Amino acid sequence: MVTSYRPICLLSTWGKILNKVITKRLQFELEVNGKLDDCQHGFRRGKSTLSALQVFTDFIKSAKDEKLITLAITFDISNAFNSIRWKDIMICLREDNISEYLFKIIASFVSDRKIVDHDFDISFFYDRGVPQGSSLGPVLWLLIAERLIRTLAPVQEVKLIMFDDDILLLSRGSASYLFTEKLRHSLSIIEKWAQRYALSINMDKTNFIMFPFGKTPTHIPRLKIFGKTIRYSRTIKYLGLYFDEKLTWQHHLSLIKDKTQNLQVKLNLKLNQIQRIPLSTIVKNYRTVSTEALNILSGCPPLDILAKAKKEKFGLIFRNEALMVQDLTLYREDFDLGNSDLAPPWEACVIPWTMDMDPGIEEYKIFTDGSKWNEQVGSGAICYDSNGQEEWSFSLRLSNNASVFIAEAIAILESIKRILHINRICYIFTDSRSVLMALASYCDQTSIIEEIKLILKDKRNIVLCWVKAHVGISGNEIADSLAKEATRRETIDINIKFKG
């Protein structure tokens, strides 16, 4: 007998585009109106599995510092996405005061769906389950999850962490026997929430663990939900990571090792062995070649270095921790992390460009370029009036951390700033197609690209043009020489933030 079904979403191209537009707008309204709590880390800008795991480990470590025991319960919702009733989604949308047009579109999107079996000539309508494969589905689930978050918010004894339908309940106490009574009310709230929204908790995958500050507790609390005892485990899996009582990560690393080559070595050696086999396949080397040589030949950095880089980047962005690079101490504000302000999705813009414009056109025109030489970076531009006479030019030295891409973008940005007062048609020629493509993209970009977009959004008289490099076009060659000239200067004109 079939115990579950999974509604899938097969849409045309235009249907998928509409689905994405509605998803973006719903996310925007929920975020701007504060309808999503910070403890929800799934399908949200600036949050991820890493941020959820960081909150989890920080909670454990702070409890240890206070000589308290941490208890963590992971709940598994059976077929969460397939079990949501559409009427509950509509009620949640109403409660959160979602715009009427969005409400009607979403209501239409989930209504009048039916299951069809042509072999047995059976068809019937169904009223639950967010469509799989739809970008809107996970966001609709967040509405249901948010009801649990809001109900548990006033409870001081617990902390909730959610990543989509992965639920983690945390509590701390001075003794393990206290948790039986301390968590009774919170478990009752979760039980009522599941009943209210017709959700089922899989007890086989729901368990709890304790993280002691000293010795392993001898008393195991009796925790129950739906009249069934929650199983105690000495390791739990949350968001792909296995946590053990002492936070040694040995169990997690051992499982990774077993999946690759069942080697029993120390952490760095394990990482080397995990990486060695695929690298050998790429390079097709002799067995005697060292792992370090394989990293160099294949161009793949060692896993331990990549892991350290990921950790330091996360600490920099999300925890504002200082980053040491040789003799430099860098902070979050030293990095270009793009525009962090949440903007309405319908205000996103792209800047068109052309590759068909004749660079010899007798109009007001500017040629820009960027260059990097001996680890020094420069930008240059030259402007001509409609008679072909030079009006102005500049040569700017950028800080050494800038890329050629940034140098090209700075040349365009500085040129635009110099012609904002002009209302006639102005042509800007650049040989950097990558910058032009970034300007023509809806995706989040560096702050420099976003600044250019913001200016050109309302300046329709400025036309961006691509020109082929190093083919003897006078303006392009002069701009190139101005950029190279800047690289030879010691004085830095513009300090560029590091790439985030």
Protein backbone atom coordinates (compact mmCIF):
# COMPACT_ATOMS: atom_id res chain seq x y z
CA MET A 1 0.00 0.00 0.00
CA VAL A 2 1.24 3.50 -0.83
CA THR A 3 1.97 5.37 2.40
CA SER A 4 2.86 8.73 0.91
CA TYR A 5 2.90 10.68 -2.30
CA ARG A 6 5.01 13.53 -3.55
CA PRO A 7 3.34 16.21 -5.69
CA ILE A 8 5.84 17.38 -8.28
CA CYS A 9 5.84 20.65 -10.16
CA LEU A 10 6.17 20.39 -13.93
CA LEU A 11 5.98 23.92 -15.29
CA SER A 12 6.65 25.55 -18.61
CA THR A 13 9.51 28.03 -18.88
CA TRP A 14 7.18 30.99 -18.38
CA GLY A 15 5.54 29.20 -15.47
CA LYS A 16 8.93 28.73 -13.80
CA ILE A 17 9.75 32.40 -14.32
CA LEU A 18 6.44 33.46 -12.74
CA ASN A 19 7.05 31.00 -9.90
CA LYS A 20 10.47 32.56 -9.24
CA VAL A 21 9.07 36.10 -9.34
CA ILE A 22 6.34 35.24 -6.83
CA THR A 23 8.88 33.50 -4.58
CA LYS A 24 11.15 36.57 -4.57
CA ARG A 25 8.27 38.89 -3.76
CA LEU A 26 6.91 36.70 -0.98
CA GLN A 27 10.40 36.40 0.56
CA PHE A 28 10.80 40.17 0.38
CA GLU A 29 7.48 40.88 2.13
CA LEU A 30 8.17 38.32 4.86
CA GLU A 31 11.67 39.68 5.52
CA VAL A 32 10.86 43.39 5.39
CA ASN A 33 7.81 43.01 7.63
CA GLY A 34 9.74 40.93 10.16
CA LYS A 35 7.63 37.80 9.73
CA LEU A 36 10.60 35.42 9.81
CA ASP A 37 12.50 34.92 13.06
CA ASP A 38 16.30 34.90 13.23
CA CYS A 39 16.30 31.30 14.46
CA GLN A 40 15.10 30.15 11.01
CA HIS A 41 18.18 29.68 8.82
CA GLY A 42 16.70 27.93 5.78
CA PHE A 43 16.10 29.63 2.41
CA ARG A 44 17.01 33.08 3.69
CA ARG A 45 19.53 35.63 2.49
CA GLY A 46 22.66 35.78 4.64
CA LYS A 47 21.83 32.53 6.44
CA SER A 48 22.83 28.95 5.73
CA THR A 49 23.59 25.60 7.32
CA LEU A 50 26.85 27.16 8.53
CA SER A 51 25.06 29.91 10.46
CA ALA A 52 22.71 27.35 12.05
CA LEU A 53 25.61 25.09 13.04
CA GLN A 54 27.53 28.07 14.43
CA VAL A 55 24.61 29.03 16.70
CA PHE A 56 24.41 25.40 17.84
CA THR A 57 28.10 25.10 18.73
CA ASP A 58 28.17 28.56 20.34
CA PHE A 59 25.28 27.53 22.59
CA ILE A 60 27.13 24.39 23.69
CA LYS A 61 30.42 26.21 24.32
CA SER A 62 28.81 29.03 26.31
CA ALA A 63 27.02 26.42 28.47
CA LYS A 64 30.34 24.66 29.11
CA ASP A 65 31.90 27.98 30.13
CA GLU A 66 29.11 28.38 32.70
CA LYS A 67 29.58 24.74 33.83
CA LEU A 68 26.14 23.77 32.54
CA ILE A 69 24.93 20.71 30.65
CA THR A 70 23.44 21.24 27.19
CA LEU A 71 20.63 18.99 25.96
CA ALA A 72 19.77 18.98 22.26
CA ILE A 73 16.76 17.28 20.65
CA THR A 74 16.55 16.78 16.89
CA PHE A 75 13.05 16.29 15.49
CA ASP A 76 12.32 14.61 12.19
CA ILE A 77 9.06 15.62 10.50
CA SER A 78 7.80 12.82 8.27
CA ASN A 79 7.11 14.05 4.73
CA ALA A 80 6.98 17.65 5.94
CA PHE A 81 6.60 19.28 2.52
CA ASN A 82 4.04 16.71 1.38
CA SER A 83 1.82 17.06 4.46
CA ILE A 84 1.10 20.80 4.56
CA ARG A 85 -2.58 21.56 4.01
CA TRP A 86 -3.26 24.35 1.58
CA LYS A 87 -5.91 25.90 3.81
CA ASP A 88 -3.26 26.29 6.54
CA ILE A 89 -0.95 28.06 4.09
CA MET A 90 -3.73 30.48 3.17
CA ILE A 91 -4.49 31.16 6.84
CA CYS A 92 -0.81 31.90 7.52
CA LEU A 93 -0.63 34.28 4.55
CA ARG A 94 -3.67 36.14 5.87
CA GLU A 95 -2.25 36.33 9.39
CA ASP A 96 1.00 37.79 8.04
CA ASN A 97 -0.88 40.42 5.98
CA ILE A 98 0.62 39.39 2.67
CA SER A 99 -0.40 41.60 -0.27
CA GLU A 100 -3.73 40.67 -1.80
CA TYR A 101 -2.33 40.05 -5.27
CA LEU A 102 0.28 37.65 -3.86
CA PHE A 103 -2.37 35.88 -1.81
CA LYS A 104 -4.57 35.33 -4.86
CA ILE A 105 -1.71 34.11 -7.07
CA ILE A 106 -0.49 31.63 -4.45
CA ALA A 107 -4.05 30.43 -3.83
CA SER A 108 -4.42 29.84 -7.56
CA PHE A 109 -1.02 28.15 -7.75
CA VAL A 110 -1.86 25.44 -5.20
CA SER A 111 -5.56 24.97 -5.95
CA ASP A 112 -7.32 22.56 -8.33
CA ARG A 113 -4.51 20.02 -8.42
CA LYS A 114 -5.40 16.38 -8.91
CA ILE A 115 -3.84 12.94 -9.04
CA VAL A 116 -4.47 11.03 -12.27
CA ASP A 117 -3.88 7.33 -12.95
CA HIS A 118 -4.65 6.55 -16.58
CA ASP A 119 -4.14 2.81 -16.15
CA PHE A 120 -6.97 2.48 -13.64
CA ASP A 121 -8.91 5.50 -14.91
CA ILE A 122 -8.70 7.17 -11.51
CA SER A 123 -8.46 10.87 -10.75
CA PHE A 124 -9.15 12.84 -7.60
CA PHE A 125 -8.33 16.27 -6.23
CA TYR A 126 -6.02 16.64 -3.26
CA ASP A 127 -5.57 19.49 -0.80
CA ARG A 128 -2.09 19.24 0.67
CA GLY A 129 1.60 19.16 -0.16
CA VAL A 130 3.72 21.97 -1.55
CA PRO A 131 4.81 21.09 -5.11
CA GLN A 132 8.28 19.51 -5.28
CA GLY A 133 10.61 21.28 -7.69
CA SER A 134 8.91 24.60 -7.09
CA SER A 135 11.03 27.42 -5.65
CA LEU A 136 7.90 28.63 -3.86
CA GLY A 137 7.40 25.37 -1.94
CA PRO A 138 10.16 25.80 0.71
CA VAL A 139 9.07 29.40 1.41
CA LEU A 140 5.49 28.26 2.01
CA TRP A 141 6.82 25.71 4.50
CA LEU A 142 8.58 28.55 6.36
CA LEU A 143 5.13 30.00 7.12
CA ILE A 144 4.13 26.82 8.95
CA ALA A 145 7.49 26.54 10.73
CA GLU A 146 7.22 30.16 11.86
CA ARG A 147 4.11 29.30 13.90
CA LEU A 148 6.18 26.95 16.06
CA ILE A 149 8.94 29.53 16.43
CA ARG A 150 6.49 32.21 17.60
CA THR A 151 4.80 29.88 20.09
CA LEU A 152 8.11 28.80 21.62
CA ALA A 153 9.61 32.31 21.68
CA PRO A 154 8.30 33.23 25.18
CA VAL A 155 9.67 30.01 26.72
CA GLN A 156 12.89 31.03 28.48
CA GLU A 157 14.18 27.52 29.16
CA VAL A 158 14.79 26.59 25.53
CA LYS A 159 16.36 27.83 22.31
CA LEU A 160 15.06 26.75 18.90
CA ILE A 161 17.16 26.45 15.75
CA MET A 162 15.50 25.61 12.44
CA PHE A 163 16.83 25.02 8.97
CA ASP A 164 13.75 24.53 6.84
CA ASP A 165 12.14 21.38 8.34
CA ASP A 166 15.17 20.37 10.44
CA ILE A 167 14.20 21.25 14.01
CA LEU A 168 16.69 21.47 16.87
CA LEU A 169 15.58 22.24 20.43
CA LEU A 170 18.28 23.28 22.92
CA SER A 171 18.24 23.68 26.67
CA ARG A 172 20.84 23.98 29.42
CA GLY A 173 20.86 23.09 33.08
CA SER A 174 23.07 22.39 36.08
CA ALA A 175 21.98 18.74 36.32
CA SER A 176 20.63 16.24 33.80
CA TYR A 177 17.62 15.18 35.90
CA LEU A 178 16.21 18.73 35.65
CA PHE A 179 15.52 18.40 31.92
CA THR A 180 12.61 15.98 32.40
CA GLU A 181 10.46 18.68 33.96
CA LYS A 182 12.09 21.67 32.27
CA LEU A 183 11.27 20.48 28.74
CA ARG A 184 7.80 19.11 29.42
CA HIS A 185 6.04 22.35 28.44
CA SER A 186 8.17 22.91 25.30
CA LEU A 187 7.56 19.36 24.08
CA SER A 188 3.85 19.88 24.66
CA ILE A 189 3.97 23.00 22.46
CA ILE A 190 5.71 21.09 19.66
CA GLU A 191 3.15 18.30 19.97
CA LYS A 192 0.22 20.72 19.69
CA TRP A 193 1.86 22.48 16.72
CA ALA A 194 2.28 19.16 14.90
CA GLN A 195 -1.35 18.22 15.61
CA ARG A 196 -2.62 21.63 14.52
CA TYR A 197 -0.93 21.35 11.13
CA ALA A 198 -1.45 17.59 10.65
CA LEU A 199 2.28 16.86 10.80
CA SER A 200 3.78 13.57 11.94
CA ILE A 201 7.01 13.24 13.94
CA ASN A 202 9.15 10.23 13.04
CA MET A 203 10.18 8.84 16.43
CA ASP A 204 12.78 6.53 14.88
CA LYS A 205 14.77 9.57 13.75
CA THR A 206 13.97 11.85 16.69
CA ASN A 207 16.54 11.65 19.47
CA PHE A 208 18.47 13.71 21.98
CA ILE A 209 22.03 14.09 23.21
CA MET A 210 23.65 15.74 26.21
CA PHE A 211 26.88 17.76 26.12
CA PRO A 212 28.37 17.74 29.64
CA PHE A 213 30.92 20.25 30.92
CA GLY A 214 32.74 17.48 32.78
CA LYS A 215 31.99 13.80 33.19
CA THR A 216 29.24 12.07 31.26
CA PRO A 217 25.92 12.41 33.17
CA THR A 218 24.77 9.21 34.84
CA HIS A 219 21.08 10.19 34.87
CA ILE A 220 19.26 10.08 31.53
CA PRO A 221 16.14 12.30 31.52
CA ARG A 222 12.86 10.77 30.32
CA LEU A 223 11.54 12.97 27.54
CA LYS A 224 8.24 12.16 25.86
CA ILE A 225 6.20 13.45 22.95
CA PHE A 226 2.91 11.97 21.75
CA GLY A 227 3.22 9.57 24.67
CA LYS A 228 6.41 8.02 23.28
CA THR A 229 9.87 8.25 24.82
CA ILE A 230 12.48 10.17 22.85
CA ARG A 231 15.56 8.02 22.36
CA TYR A 232 18.85 9.06 23.98
CA SER A 233 21.92 8.90 21.75
CA ARG A 234 25.59 9.67 22.32
CA THR A 235 25.86 11.08 18.78
CA ILE A 236 23.34 12.96 16.69
CA LYS A 237 23.33 14.07 13.08
CA TYR A 238 22.29 17.64 12.35
CA LEU A 239 22.58 19.30 8.94
CA GLY A 240 25.05 16.70 7.74
CA LEU A 241 27.37 16.88 10.76
CA TYR A 242 27.65 14.25 13.47
CA PHE A 243 27.92 15.73 16.97
CA ASP A 244 29.37 13.65 19.80
CA GLU A 245 29.13 14.42 23.52
CA LYS A 246 32.63 15.88 23.76
CA LEU A 247 32.55 17.76 20.44
CA THR A 248 35.66 15.90 19.27
CA TRP A 249 34.25 15.32 15.74
CA GLN A 250 35.93 11.92 15.75
CA HIS A 251 32.71 10.10 14.87
CA HIS A 252 32.05 12.48 11.98
CA LEU A 253 35.58 12.21 10.62
CA SER A 254 35.54 8.43 10.97
CA LEU A 255 32.38 8.19 8.89
CA ILE A 256 33.93 10.37 6.18
CA LYS A 257 37.02 8.21 6.28
CA ASP A 258 34.97 5.02 5.94
CA LYS A 259 33.23 6.43 2.89
CA THR A 260 36.53 7.03 1.14
CA GLN A 261 39.16 4.52 2.08
CA ASN A 262 38.86 3.28 5.66
CA LEU A 263 42.18 4.72 6.77
CA GLN A 264 43.05 5.21 10.45
CA VAL A 265 45.26 8.24 10.60
CA LYS A 266 45.29 11.66 12.18
CA LEU A 267 43.10 14.50 10.96
CA ASN A 268 45.45 16.03 8.39
CA LEU A 269 46.44 12.63 7.05
CA LYS A 270 42.78 11.69 6.71
CA LEU A 271 42.12 14.81 4.69
CA ASN A 272 45.15 14.11 2.48
CA GLN A 273 44.01 10.55 1.82
CA ILE A 274 40.46 11.65 1.03
CA GLN A 275 41.81 14.04 -1.59
CA ARG A 276 44.62 11.87 -2.99
CA ILE A 277 42.49 9.34 -4.92
CA PRO A 278 40.54 11.84 -7.09
CA LEU A 279 43.70 13.93 -7.62
CA SER A 280 45.56 10.85 -8.86
CA THR A 281 42.73 10.23 -11.31
CA ILE A 282 42.96 13.82 -12.59
CA VAL A 283 46.75 13.90 -12.97
CA LYS A 284 47.21 10.21 -13.99
CA ASN A 285 50.47 10.01 -12.05
CA TYR A 286 52.70 7.29 -10.64
CA ARG A 287 51.82 5.98 -7.18
CA THR A 288 55.04 7.40 -5.76
CA VAL A 289 54.07 11.03 -6.42
CA SER A 290 53.43 12.82 -3.12
CA THR A 291 50.05 14.30 -2.23
CA GLU A 292 51.61 17.78 -2.02
CA ALA A 293 52.89 17.44 -5.60
CA LEU A 294 49.44 16.28 -6.72
CA ASN A 295 47.91 19.42 -5.23
CA ILE A 296 50.29 21.58 -7.26
CA LEU A 297 49.98 19.60 -10.51
CA SER A 298 46.17 19.54 -10.40
CA GLY A 299 45.79 23.10 -9.16
CA CYS A 300 43.63 21.89 -6.23
CA PRO A 301 44.55 23.35 -2.81
CA PRO A 302 44.83 20.86 0.10
CA LEU A 303 41.55 20.20 1.91
CA ASP A 304 42.89 21.37 5.26
CA ILE A 305 43.77 24.77 3.76
CA LEU A 306 40.35 25.04 2.08
CA ALA A 307 38.65 24.11 5.35
CA LYS A 308 40.65 26.75 7.22
CA ALA A 309 39.80 29.37 4.57
CA LYS A 310 36.08 28.53 4.83
CA LYS A 311 36.23 28.79 8.62
CA GLU A 312 38.06 32.12 8.59
CA LYS A 313 35.72 33.57 5.94
CA PHE A 314 32.67 32.53 7.97
CA GLY A 315 34.17 34.02 11.13
CA LEU A 316 34.94 37.26 9.31
CA ILE A 317 31.52 37.70 7.68
CA PHE A 318 29.13 36.37 10.32
CA ARG A 319 31.07 36.91 13.57
CA ASN A 320 33.17 39.96 12.68
CA GLU A 321 36.36 38.19 13.74
CA ALA A 322 39.71 39.67 12.73
CA LEU A 323 41.56 37.96 9.89
CA MET A 324 45.36 37.82 9.99
CA VAL A 325 47.10 37.84 6.58
CA GLN A 326 50.88 37.97 7.03
CA ASP A 327 51.43 41.31 8.82
CA LEU A 328 47.93 42.65 8.04
CA THR A 329 44.96 42.56 10.42
CA LEU A 330 41.72 42.75 8.45
CA TYR A 331 38.13 43.23 9.63
CA ARG A 332 34.71 42.81 8.06
CA GLU A 333 34.59 46.44 6.90
CA ASP A 334 37.79 45.89 4.89
CA PHE A 335 35.97 43.50 2.55
CA ASP A 336 33.54 44.13 -0.26
CA LEU A 337 30.60 41.90 0.66
CA GLY A 338 28.19 43.43 -1.82
CA ASN A 339 25.04 45.33 -0.94
CA SER A 340 23.62 43.89 2.29
CA ASP A 341 20.45 46.02 2.19
CA LEU A 342 17.35 44.06 1.23
CA ALA A 343 15.94 45.74 -1.89
CA PRO A 344 12.54 45.04 -3.47
CA PRO A 345 13.09 42.39 -6.18
CA TRP A 346 11.09 44.43 -8.70
CA GLU A 347 13.65 47.24 -8.39
CA ALA A 348 16.54 45.04 -9.55
CA CYS A 349 17.97 46.46 -12.74
CA VAL A 350 20.29 45.46 -15.54
CA ILE A 351 22.35 47.83 -17.64
CA PRO A 352 22.29 47.03 -21.37
CA TRP A 353 25.38 47.31 -23.55
CA THR A 354 26.22 46.94 -27.21
CA MET A 355 29.07 45.48 -29.20
CA ASP A 356 27.96 46.95 -32.53
CA MET A 357 28.91 50.58 -31.98
CA ASP A 358 31.67 51.97 -34.20
CA PRO A 359 34.45 53.36 -31.94
CA GLY A 360 35.18 55.92 -34.65
CA ILE A 361 31.75 57.53 -34.27
CA GLU A 362 31.88 61.34 -34.19
CA GLU A 363 30.12 61.73 -30.85
CA TYR A 364 31.05 62.43 -27.24
CA LYS A 365 32.92 59.26 -26.24
CA ILE A 366 35.18 57.82 -23.56
CA PHE A 367 37.63 54.92 -23.70
CA THR A 368 38.44 53.12 -20.43
CA ASP A 369 40.84 50.37 -19.41
CA GLY A 370 42.41 48.66 -16.40
CA SER A 371 45.82 47.06 -16.01
CA LYS A 372 47.90 45.03 -13.56
CA TRP A 373 51.69 45.02 -13.76
CA ASN A 374 54.21 43.73 -11.21
CA GLU A 375 51.36 43.21 -8.71
CA GLN A 376 50.36 46.88 -9.02
CA VAL A 377 46.99 47.93 -10.43
CA GLY A 378 45.83 50.97 -12.35
CA SER A 379 42.84 52.43 -14.19
CA GLY A 380 42.83 54.88 -17.06
CA ALA A 381 40.40 56.71 -19.34
CA ILE A 382 40.40 59.35 -22.05
CA CYS A 383 37.45 61.47 -23.24
CA TYR A 384 36.89 62.98 -26.70
CA ASP A 385 34.31 65.51 -27.82
CA SER A 386 32.27 65.12 -31.01
CA ASN A 387 35.09 66.72 -33.00
CA GLY A 388 37.61 64.15 -31.84
CA GLN A 389 39.42 66.59 -29.53
CA GLU A 390 40.60 65.36 -26.14
CA GLU A 391 38.59 66.88 -23.28
CA TRP A 392 40.12 65.11 -20.30
CA SER A 393 41.88 61.97 -19.16
CA PHE A 394 42.87 60.33 -15.91
CA SER A 395 45.30 57.73 -14.62
CA LEU A 396 44.49 56.25 -11.20
CA ARG A 397 46.61 53.92 -9.08
CA LEU A 398 44.58 51.35 -7.12
CA SER A 399 45.62 49.34 -4.07
CA ASN A 400 47.44 46.09 -4.86
CA ASN A 401 44.58 43.82 -3.78
CA ALA A 402 42.42 45.05 -6.68
CA SER A 403 41.87 42.74 -9.66
CA VAL A 404 41.90 43.73 -13.33
CA PHE A 405 38.10 43.34 -13.27
CA ILE A 406 37.84 45.93 -10.48
CA ALA A 407 40.30 48.21 -12.28
CA GLU A 408 38.13 48.09 -15.43
CA ALA A 409 35.01 48.78 -13.36
CA ILE A 410 36.65 51.70 -11.52
CA ALA A 411 37.65 53.25 -14.85
CA ILE A 412 34.01 53.12 -15.99
CA LEU A 413 32.67 54.40 -12.65
CA GLU A 414 35.07 57.35 -12.45
CA SER A 415 34.30 58.25 -16.07
CA ILE A 416 30.56 58.22 -15.39
CA LYS A 417 31.00 60.51 -12.39
CA ARG A 418 32.76 63.06 -14.63
CA ILE A 419 29.92 63.24 -17.15
CA LEU A 420 26.86 63.21 -14.89
CA HIS A 421 26.21 66.89 -15.67
CA ILE A 422 26.02 66.19 -19.42
CA ASN A 423 22.58 65.53 -20.91
CA ARG A 424 23.66 64.61 -24.44
CA ILE A 425 24.38 61.07 -25.62
CA CYS A 426 27.73 59.81 -24.28
CA TYR A 427 29.41 56.57 -25.34
CA ILE A 428 31.75 54.68 -23.01
CA PHE A 429 33.95 52.08 -24.73
CA THR A 430 35.62 49.28 -22.74
CA ASP A 431 37.33 46.05 -23.75
CA SER A 432 36.16 44.29 -20.57
CA ARG A 433 33.23 42.10 -21.54
CA SER A 434 33.19 40.58 -18.03
CA VAL A 435 32.36 43.97 -16.48
CA LEU A 436 29.63 44.59 -19.06
CA MET A 437 28.14 41.15 -18.43
CA ALA A 438 28.16 41.81 -14.67
CA LEU A 439 26.26 45.05 -15.27
CA ALA A 440 23.74 43.16 -17.41
CA SER A 441 23.14 40.53 -14.71
CA TYR A 442 20.38 40.46 -12.08
CA CYS A 443 22.67 38.63 -9.65
CA ASP A 444 24.24 40.38 -6.65
CA GLN A 445 27.60 41.89 -7.56
CA THR A 446 30.41 43.83 -5.93
CA SER A 447 29.56 47.24 -4.49
CA ILE A 448 31.36 48.96 -7.39
CA ILE A 449 29.17 47.22 -9.99
CA GLU A 450 26.08 47.98 -7.91
CA GLU A 451 27.09 51.66 -7.72
CA ILE A 452 27.44 51.84 -11.50
CA LYS A 453 24.01 50.22 -11.86
CA LEU A 454 22.46 52.69 -9.43
CA ILE A 455 23.83 55.68 -11.36
CA LEU A 456 23.01 54.40 -14.86
CA LYS A 457 19.54 53.29 -13.86
CA ASP A 458 18.26 56.84 -14.44
CA LYS A 459 20.92 58.03 -16.91
CA ARG A 460 19.68 56.75 -20.25
CA ASN A 461 21.97 59.09 -22.18
CA ILE A 462 25.07 57.06 -21.25
CA VAL A 463 25.62 54.08 -23.56
CA LEU A 464 28.08 51.30 -22.71
CA CYS A 465 29.91 49.71 -25.63
CA TRP A 466 32.33 46.83 -26.00
CA VAL A 467 35.41 47.26 -28.17
CA LYS A 468 38.00 44.67 -29.08
CA ALA A 469 41.35 45.14 -27.33
CA HIS A 470 44.73 45.67 -28.96
CA VAL A 471 43.56 46.01 -32.56
CA GLY A 472 44.94 49.50 -33.09
CA ILE A 473 41.94 51.56 -31.93
CA SER A 474 43.55 54.83 -30.83
CA GLY A 475 41.33 55.66 -27.84
CA ASN A 476 41.56 52.14 -26.45
CA GLU A 477 45.35 52.07 -26.79
CA ILE A 478 45.71 55.43 -25.01
CA ALA A 479 43.42 54.29 -22.16
CA ASP A 480 45.55 51.15 -21.87
CA SER A 481 48.75 53.21 -21.65
CA LEU A 482 47.18 55.48 -19.00
CA ALA A 483 46.26 52.42 -16.90
CA LYS A 484 49.78 51.00 -17.29
CA GLU A 485 51.27 54.37 -16.36
CA ALA A 486 49.28 54.30 -13.11
CA THR A 487 50.74 50.89 -12.17
CA ARG A 488 54.23 52.41 -12.12
CA ARG A 489 53.35 55.04 -9.51
CA GLU A 490 53.89 54.47 -5.79
CA THR A 491 51.11 56.73 -4.51
CA ILE A 492 47.75 54.97 -4.26
CA ASP A 493 44.78 57.08 -5.39
CA ILE A 494 41.94 54.68 -4.50
CA ASN A 495 41.96 51.98 -1.82
CA ILE A 496 39.89 48.98 -2.87
CA LYS A 497 38.25 46.67 -0.36
CA PHE A 498 39.25 43.02 -0.43
CA LYS A 499 36.98 40.62 -2.27
CA GLY A 500 34.50 38.96 0.10
